[in-house]
């Protein structure tokens, strides 16, 4: 039991990425909200080993998936102070800060 938010299709249309929070949690609490993926037919639902976004910024830590399966999201800068735009590959690798604070 719980709720899903911020659903995003993969570039190939075969998977849906989303955030899931268990019903026992405080609504949108970043410490328990995790990124998940499921096949478009409902099979193979599983949590990701990394977050699609930065839970330190705001509830649901929104993200967007581009046509090349590259993810854009808002996060803290390298000092942990300012909100900036980051990108990464859909597997969580190659994180890059693309704007200045």
C-alpha atoms as a PDB file:
ATOM      1  CA  UNK A   1       0.000   0.000   0.000  1.00  0.00           C
ATOM      2  CA  UNK A   2       1.107   3.517  -0.757  1.00  0.00           C
ATOM      3  CA  UNK A   3       0.995   6.148  -3.461  1.00  0.00           C
ATOM      4  CA  UNK A   4       2.844   6.908  -6.681  1.00  0.00           C
ATOM      5  CA  UNK A   5       3.837  10.281  -8.108  1.00  0.00           C
ATOM      6  CA  UNK A   6       5.807  11.895 -10.927  1.00  0.00           C
ATOM      7  CA  UNK A   7       5.259   9.180 -13.535  1.00  0.00           C
ATOM      8  CA  UNK A   8       7.552   9.392 -16.591  1.00  0.00           C
ATOM      9  CA  UNK A   9       7.709   7.144 -19.677  1.00  0.00           C
ATOM     10  CA  UNK A  10      11.074   5.837 -20.854  1.00  0.00           C
ATOM     11  CA  UNK A  11      12.210   7.061 -24.269  1.00  0.00           C
ATOM     12  CA  UNK A  12      11.328   3.720 -25.891  1.00  0.00           C
ATOM     13  CA  UNK A  13       7.870   3.588 -24.261  1.00  0.00           C
ATOM     14  CA  UNK A  14       8.580   0.224 -22.629  1.00  0.00           C
ATOM     15  CA  UNK A  15       8.970   1.341 -18.984  1.00  0.00           C
ATOM     16  CA  UNK A  16       7.431   3.815 -16.559  1.00  0.00           C
ATOM     17  CA  UNK A  17       9.585   5.465 -13.904  1.00  0.00           C
ATOM     18  CA  UNK A  18       7.931   6.881 -10.784  1.00  0.00           C
ATOM     19  CA  UNK A  19       8.271   7.679  -7.097  1.00  0.00           C
ATOM     20  CA  UNK A  20       6.574   5.476  -4.507  1.00  0.00           C
ATOM     21  CA  UNK A  21       5.833   6.297  -0.867  1.00  0.00           C
ATOM     22  CA  UNK A  22       4.483   3.602   1.510  1.00  0.00           C
ATOM     23  CA  UNK A  23       1.102   4.422   3.073  1.00  0.00           C
ATOM     24  CA  UNK A  24       2.638   4.286   6.564  1.00  0.00           C
ATOM     25  CA  UNK A  25       4.922   7.226   5.716  1.00  0.00           C
ATOM     26  CA  UNK A  26       4.403  10.956   6.047  1.00  0.00           C
ATOM     27  CA  UNK A  27       3.080  12.226   2.694  1.00  0.00           C
ATOM     28  CA  UNK A  28       6.008  12.973   0.377  1.00  0.00           C
ATOM     29  CA  UNK A  29       8.637  12.358   3.027  1.00  0.00           C
ATOM     30  CA  UNK A  30      11.920  12.153   1.123  1.00  0.00           C
ATOM     31  CA  UNK A  31      13.440   9.658   3.541  1.00  0.00           C
ATOM     32  CA  UNK A  32      10.937   6.974   2.504  1.00  0.00           C
ATOM     33  CA  UNK A  33       9.987   8.043  -1.019  1.00  0.00           C
ATOM     34  CA  UNK A  34      11.999   6.010  -3.530  1.00  0.00           C
ATOM     35  CA  UNK A  35      12.324   5.817  -7.316  1.00  0.00           C
ATOM     36  CA  UNK A  36      10.846   2.731  -8.994  1.00  0.00           C
ATOM     37  CA  UNK A  37      10.449   1.336 -12.514  1.00  0.00           C
ATOM     38  CA  UNK A  38       7.782  -0.943 -13.995  1.00  0.00           C
ATOM     39  CA  UNK A  39       7.262  -2.397 -17.470  1.00  0.00           C
ATOM     40  CA  UNK A  40       4.358  -0.811 -19.354  1.00  0.00           C
ATOM     41  CA  UNK A  41       2.418  -4.095 -19.019  1.00  0.00           C
ATOM     42  CA  UNK A  42       2.703  -3.947 -15.206  1.00  0.00           C
ATOM     43  CA  UNK A  43       5.357  -6.633 -14.870  1.00  0.00           C
ATOM     44  CA  UNK A  44       8.877  -6.338 -13.476  1.00  0.00           C
ATOM     45  CA  UNK A  45       8.083  -3.649 -10.879  1.00  0.00           C
ATOM     46  CA  UNK A  46      11.192  -2.902  -8.843  1.00  0.00           C
ATOM     47  CA  UNK A  47      12.829  -0.151  -6.815  1.00  0.00           C
ATOM     48  CA  UNK A  48      15.898   1.533  -8.301  1.00  0.00           C
ATOM     49  CA  UNK A  49      19.191   1.530  -6.392  1.00  0.00           C
ATOM     50  CA  UNK A  50      19.412   5.331  -6.822  1.00  0.00           C
ATOM     51  CA  UNK A  51      16.975   8.260  -6.792  1.00  0.00           C
ATOM     52  CA  UNK A  52      15.750   9.941  -9.971  1.00  0.00           C
ATOM     53  CA  UNK A  53      16.243  13.424  -8.584  1.00  0.00           C
ATOM     54  CA  UNK A  54      17.466  14.944  -5.341  1.00  0.00           C
ATOM     55  CA  UNK A  55      15.248  14.324  -2.289  1.00  0.00           C
ATOM     56  CA  UNK A  56      17.024  17.113  -0.386  1.00  0.00           C
ATOM     57  CA  UNK A  57      15.400  19.761  -2.607  1.00  0.00           C
ATOM     58  CA  UNK A  58      11.623  19.179  -2.274  1.00  0.00           C
ATOM     59  CA  UNK A  59       8.996  16.481  -1.912  1.00  0.00           C
ATOM     60  CA  UNK A  60       8.809  14.033  -4.809  1.00  0.00           C
ATOM     61  CA  UNK A  61      12.122  15.404  -6.156  1.00  0.00           C
ATOM     62  CA  UNK A  62      10.752  15.833  -9.693  1.00  0.00           C
ATOM     63  CA  UNK A  63      12.634  14.657 -12.748  1.00  0.00           C
ATOM     64  CA  UNK A  64      12.161  14.565 -16.512  1.00  0.00           C
ATOM     65  CA  UNK A  65      13.351  11.919 -18.994  1.00  0.00           C
ATOM     66  CA  UNK A  66      14.566  13.084 -22.412  1.00  0.00           C
ATOM     67  CA  UNK A  67      14.327  11.225 -25.730  1.00  0.00           C
ATOM     68  CA  UNK A  68      17.841   9.825 -25.188  1.00  0.00           C
ATOM     69  CA  UNK A  69      16.888   8.432 -21.724  1.00  0.00           C
ATOM     70  CA  UNK A  70      18.926  11.189 -20.069  1.00  0.00           C
ATOM     71  CA  UNK A  71      17.343  12.485 -16.846  1.00  0.00           C
ATOM     72  CA  UNK A  72      17.154  16.161 -15.835  1.00  0.00           C
ATOM     73  CA  UNK A  73      16.338  17.139 -12.248  1.00  0.00           C
ATOM     74  CA  UNK A  74      16.764  19.934  -9.717  1.00  0.00           C
ATOM     75  CA  UNK A  75      19.302  19.383  -6.977  1.00  0.00           C
ATOM     76  CA  UNK A  76      21.688  21.117  -4.639  1.00  0.00           C
ATOM     77  CA  UNK A  77      24.952  22.485  -6.011  1.00  0.00           C
ATOM     78  CA  UNK A  78      28.315  20.967  -5.095  1.00  0.00           C
ATOM     79  CA  UNK A  79      28.431  23.047  -1.888  1.00  0.00           C
ATOM     80  CA  UNK A  80      24.991  21.803  -0.825  1.00  0.00           C
ATOM     81  CA  UNK A  81      23.641  25.353  -0.774  1.00  0.00           C
ATOM     82  CA  UNK A  82      21.916  26.356  -4.017  1.00  0.00           C
ATOM     83  CA  UNK A  83      19.353  24.741  -6.279  1.00  0.00           C
ATOM     84  CA  UNK A  84      20.683  23.924  -9.743  1.00  0.00           C
ATOM     85  CA  UNK A  85      19.851  21.676 -12.695  1.00  0.00           C
ATOM     86  CA  UNK A  86      21.611  18.330 -12.949  1.00  0.00           C
ATOM     87  CA  UNK A  87      21.529  15.598 -15.605  1.00  0.00           C
ATOM     88  CA  UNK A  88      22.364  11.891 -15.441  1.00  0.00           C
ATOM     89  CA  UNK A  89      21.917   8.706 -17.427  1.00  0.00           C
ATOM     90  CA  UNK A  90      18.781   6.663 -16.723  1.00  0.00           C
ATOM     91  CA  UNK A  91      20.952   4.137 -14.830  1.00  0.00           C
ATOM     92  CA  UNK A  92      22.134   6.851 -12.400  1.00  0.00           C
ATOM     93  CA  UNK A  93      25.601   7.219 -13.908  1.00  0.00           C
ATOM     94  CA  UNK A  94      27.336  10.300 -15.323  1.00  0.00           C
ATOM     95  CA  UNK A  95      25.762  12.944 -13.061  1.00  0.00           C
ATOM     96  CA  UNK A  96      26.556  16.481 -14.235  1.00  0.00           C
ATOM     97  CA  UNK A  97      25.681  19.908 -12.858  1.00  0.00           C
ATOM     98  CA  UNK A  98      24.582  21.961 -15.876  1.00  0.00           C
ATOM     99  CA  UNK A  99      23.642  25.323 -14.332  1.00  0.00           C
ATOM    100  CA  UNK A 100      25.343  27.605 -11.832  1.00  0.00           C
ATOM    101  CA  UNK A 101      23.706  28.522  -8.496  1.00  0.00           C
END
